[in-house]
N, C-alpha and C. Protein backbone atom coordinates (compact mmCIF):
# COMPACT_ATOMS: atom_id res chain seq x y z
N UNK A 1 155.44 80.54 85.84
CA UNK A 1 155.73 81.30 87.04
C UNK A 1 155.81 80.32 88.21
N UNK A 2 156.71 80.59 89.12
CA UNK A 2 156.90 79.77 90.29
C UNK A 2 155.61 79.69 91.12
N UNK A 3 155.30 78.50 91.58
CA UNK A 3 154.06 78.26 92.34
C UNK A 3 154.00 79.12 93.61
N UNK A 4 155.11 79.26 94.29
CA UNK A 4 155.14 80.07 95.52
C UNK A 4 154.81 81.52 95.22
N UNK A 5 155.34 82.04 94.12
CA UNK A 5 155.04 83.41 93.72
C UNK A 5 153.56 83.55 93.40
N UNK A 6 153.00 82.57 92.69
CA UNK A 6 151.57 82.60 92.37
C UNK A 6 150.72 82.62 93.63
N UNK A 7 151.08 81.78 94.59
CA UNK A 7 150.32 81.72 95.84
C UNK A 7 150.39 83.06 96.56
N UNK A 8 151.57 83.65 96.63
CA UNK A 8 151.71 84.95 97.29
C UNK A 8 150.91 86.03 96.58
N UNK A 9 150.93 86.01 95.26
CA UNK A 9 150.14 87.00 94.50
C UNK A 9 148.65 86.77 94.68
N UNK A 10 148.25 85.52 94.78
CA UNK A 10 146.83 85.21 95.01
C UNK A 10 146.40 85.73 96.39
N UNK A 11 147.22 85.51 97.41
CA UNK A 11 146.90 86.04 98.74
C UNK A 11 146.79 87.56 98.71
N UNK A 12 147.70 88.20 97.99
CA UNK A 12 147.66 89.65 97.87
C UNK A 12 146.38 90.10 97.16
N UNK A 13 146.01 89.39 96.11
CA UNK A 13 144.78 89.72 95.38
C UNK A 13 143.57 89.55 96.29
N UNK A 14 143.58 88.51 97.13
CA UNK A 14 142.47 88.29 98.07
C UNK A 14 142.38 89.46 99.06
N UNK A 15 143.53 89.94 99.51
CA UNK A 15 143.53 91.10 100.43
C UNK A 15 142.98 92.34 99.72
N UNK A 16 143.34 92.53 98.46
CA UNK A 16 142.81 93.67 97.70
C UNK A 16 141.30 93.58 97.55
N UNK A 17 140.79 92.37 97.30
CA UNK A 17 139.35 92.18 97.17
C UNK A 17 138.65 92.50 98.49
N UNK A 18 139.19 92.01 99.59
CA UNK A 18 138.59 92.27 100.90
C UNK A 18 138.62 93.76 101.22
N UNK A 19 139.73 94.40 100.94
CA UNK A 19 139.84 95.84 101.17
C UNK A 19 138.87 96.61 100.28
N UNK A 20 138.75 96.18 99.04
CA UNK A 20 137.80 96.82 98.12
C UNK A 20 136.37 96.71 98.60
N UNK A 21 136.03 95.54 99.15
CA UNK A 21 134.67 95.36 99.70
C UNK A 21 134.41 96.36 100.82
N UNK A 22 135.41 96.55 101.68
CA UNK A 22 135.24 97.50 102.80
C UNK A 22 135.10 98.93 102.29
N UNK A 23 135.92 99.31 101.30
CA UNK A 23 135.83 100.67 100.74
C UNK A 23 134.46 100.92 100.12
N UNK A 24 133.98 99.94 99.38
CA UNK A 24 132.68 100.08 98.72
C UNK A 24 131.57 100.21 99.75
N UNK A 25 131.61 99.38 100.77
CA UNK A 25 130.57 99.44 101.81
C UNK A 25 130.60 100.79 102.53
N UNK A 26 131.79 101.26 102.89
CA UNK A 26 131.89 102.57 103.56
C UNK A 26 131.40 103.70 102.67
N UNK A 27 131.70 103.61 101.37
CA UNK A 27 131.26 104.66 100.46
C UNK A 27 129.75 104.66 100.32
N UNK A 28 129.16 103.48 100.28
CA UNK A 28 127.69 103.39 100.21
C UNK A 28 127.05 103.98 101.47
N UNK A 29 127.65 103.71 102.62
CA UNK A 29 127.14 104.29 103.88
C UNK A 29 127.25 105.80 103.86
N UNK A 30 128.38 106.30 103.36
CA UNK A 30 128.57 107.75 103.28
C UNK A 30 127.53 108.39 102.36
N UNK A 31 127.29 107.77 101.23
CA UNK A 31 126.29 108.29 100.29
C UNK A 31 124.91 108.31 100.96
N UNK A 32 124.58 107.26 101.67
CA UNK A 32 123.29 107.19 102.37
C UNK A 32 123.17 108.34 103.37
N UNK A 33 124.23 108.57 104.16
CA UNK A 33 124.19 109.64 105.16
C UNK A 33 124.12 111.01 104.51
N UNK A 34 124.90 111.20 103.45
CA UNK A 34 124.86 112.49 102.74
C UNK A 34 123.47 112.76 102.20
N UNK A 35 122.87 111.73 101.60
CA UNK A 35 121.53 111.88 101.03
C UNK A 35 120.51 112.17 102.12
N UNK A 36 120.63 111.47 103.25
CA UNK A 36 119.71 111.68 104.38
C UNK A 36 119.77 113.13 104.87
N UNK A 37 120.98 113.68 104.86
CA UNK A 37 121.17 115.04 105.35
C UNK A 37 120.92 116.10 104.27
N UNK A 38 120.50 115.66 103.08
CA UNK A 38 120.15 116.59 102.03
C UNK A 38 121.33 117.13 101.23
N UNK A 39 122.48 116.47 101.31
CA UNK A 39 123.67 116.92 100.59
C UNK A 39 123.73 116.30 99.19
N UNK A 40 124.48 116.98 98.34
CA UNK A 40 124.72 116.50 96.99
C UNK A 40 125.63 115.25 97.08
N UNK A 41 125.27 114.20 96.35
CA UNK A 41 126.06 112.96 96.40
C UNK A 41 126.77 112.67 95.07
N UNK A 42 126.82 113.65 94.19
CA UNK A 42 127.40 113.44 92.87
C UNK A 42 128.84 112.95 92.94
N UNK A 43 129.68 113.64 93.68
CA UNK A 43 131.08 113.24 93.77
C UNK A 43 131.25 111.92 94.53
N UNK A 44 130.46 111.74 95.56
CA UNK A 44 130.54 110.50 96.33
C UNK A 44 130.12 109.31 95.48
N UNK A 45 129.12 109.51 94.63
CA UNK A 45 128.70 108.42 93.73
C UNK A 45 129.75 108.15 92.65
N UNK A 46 130.40 109.19 92.18
CA UNK A 46 131.47 109.01 91.19
C UNK A 46 132.62 108.21 91.80
N UNK A 47 132.94 108.49 93.05
CA UNK A 47 133.98 107.75 93.74
C UNK A 47 133.56 106.29 93.95
N UNK A 48 132.30 106.08 94.28
CA UNK A 48 131.79 104.71 94.42
C UNK A 48 131.92 103.96 93.10
N UNK A 49 131.60 104.61 92.01
CA UNK A 49 131.74 103.97 90.70
C UNK A 49 133.20 103.58 90.44
N UNK A 50 134.11 104.47 90.80
CA UNK A 50 135.53 104.17 90.64
C UNK A 50 135.93 102.98 91.51
N UNK A 51 135.49 102.96 92.77
CA UNK A 51 135.78 101.82 93.65
C UNK A 51 135.24 100.52 93.06
N UNK A 52 134.04 100.56 92.50
CA UNK A 52 133.44 99.36 91.92
C UNK A 52 134.21 98.89 90.68
N UNK A 53 134.68 99.83 89.88
CA UNK A 53 135.48 99.47 88.70
C UNK A 53 136.82 98.84 89.13
N UNK A 54 137.44 99.43 90.14
CA UNK A 54 138.69 98.87 90.65
C UNK A 54 138.46 97.49 91.25
N UNK A 55 137.34 97.32 91.92
CA UNK A 55 137.02 96.03 92.52
C UNK A 55 136.87 94.96 91.43
N UNK A 56 136.27 95.33 90.33
CA UNK A 56 136.13 94.38 89.22
C UNK A 56 137.51 93.95 88.72
N UNK A 57 138.46 94.88 88.65
CA UNK A 57 139.82 94.54 88.25
C UNK A 57 140.48 93.60 89.26
N UNK A 58 140.28 93.90 90.55
CA UNK A 58 140.84 93.03 91.60
C UNK A 58 140.25 91.62 91.51
N UNK A 59 138.96 91.53 91.28
CA UNK A 59 138.30 90.22 91.17
C UNK A 59 138.81 89.45 89.96
N UNK A 60 138.97 90.15 88.84
CA UNK A 60 139.49 89.49 87.64
C UNK A 60 140.91 88.98 87.86
N UNK A 61 141.74 89.78 88.51
CA UNK A 61 143.12 89.37 88.78
C UNK A 61 143.14 88.16 89.73
N UNK A 62 142.32 88.21 90.76
CA UNK A 62 142.24 87.08 91.69
C UNK A 62 141.81 85.81 90.97
N UNK A 63 140.81 85.92 90.14
CA UNK A 63 140.32 84.75 89.41
C UNK A 63 141.35 84.24 88.41
N UNK A 64 142.07 85.15 87.76
CA UNK A 64 143.11 84.76 86.82
C UNK A 64 144.24 84.01 87.53
N UNK A 65 144.65 84.53 88.67
CA UNK A 65 145.72 83.88 89.43
C UNK A 65 145.27 82.51 89.95
N UNK A 66 144.03 82.43 90.43
CA UNK A 66 143.51 81.16 90.92
C UNK A 66 143.46 80.12 89.80
N UNK A 67 143.04 80.54 88.62
CA UNK A 67 142.98 79.63 87.47
C UNK A 67 144.38 79.19 87.07
N UNK A 68 145.31 80.13 87.09
CA UNK A 68 146.69 79.80 86.74
C UNK A 68 147.27 78.82 87.76
N UNK A 69 146.97 79.01 89.01
CA UNK A 69 147.44 78.11 90.06
C UNK A 69 146.81 76.73 89.91
N UNK A 70 145.52 76.70 89.60
CA UNK A 70 144.85 75.41 89.36
C UNK A 70 145.45 74.70 88.17
N UNK A 71 145.78 75.45 87.12
CA UNK A 71 146.39 74.87 85.93
C UNK A 71 147.74 74.27 86.24
N UNK A 72 148.49 74.90 87.11
CA UNK A 72 149.79 74.36 87.50
C UNK A 72 149.63 73.07 88.29
N UNK A 73 148.59 73.01 89.11
CA UNK A 73 148.38 71.82 89.93
C UNK A 73 148.04 70.62 89.05
N UNK A 74 147.46 70.87 87.88
CA UNK A 74 147.04 69.78 87.01
C UNK A 74 148.19 69.27 86.14
N UNK A 75 149.23 70.10 85.93
CA UNK A 75 150.34 69.68 85.10
C UNK A 75 151.29 68.80 85.89
N UNK A 76 151.86 67.79 85.25
CA UNK A 76 152.86 66.98 85.95
C UNK A 76 154.10 67.81 86.21
N UNK A 77 154.84 67.50 87.26
CA UNK A 77 156.05 68.26 87.55
C UNK A 77 157.05 68.16 86.42
N UNK A 78 157.81 69.21 86.21
CA UNK A 78 158.83 69.22 85.18
C UNK A 78 159.90 68.21 85.51
N UNK A 79 160.28 67.41 84.53
CA UNK A 79 161.28 66.36 84.78
C UNK A 79 162.63 66.95 85.14
N UNK A 80 162.94 68.14 84.62
CA UNK A 80 164.23 68.74 84.93
C UNK A 80 164.31 69.17 86.40
N UNK A 81 163.17 69.50 86.99
CA UNK A 81 163.18 69.88 88.39
C UNK A 81 163.32 68.69 89.32
N UNK A 82 162.88 67.53 88.88
CA UNK A 82 162.86 66.37 89.75
C UNK A 82 163.79 65.27 89.28
N UNK A 83 164.63 65.55 88.34
CA UNK A 83 165.53 64.53 87.80
C UNK A 83 166.56 64.14 88.86
N UNK A 84 166.86 62.88 88.90
CA UNK A 84 167.91 62.40 89.81
C UNK A 84 169.15 62.11 89.00
N UNK A 85 170.28 62.29 89.62
CA UNK A 85 171.54 62.08 88.90
C UNK A 85 172.04 60.69 89.11
């Protein structure tokens, strides 16, 4: 895969991770407030579990892309790309 595409996908994965962190934190705050007010938190906790599962996928994708990008950096450039005529 083209290095530029990998970098763009890695940036996108980083944004997903950051967004996921915010969703998880807000959901935890909501659960805390619901519990404080004596409300049922069953559905809110189920949603938190879903957010955490999605976050794990985002983290895995980010790590996979970072490893793939690191692997590309270690390989010598393709001779066909840099060949002179």
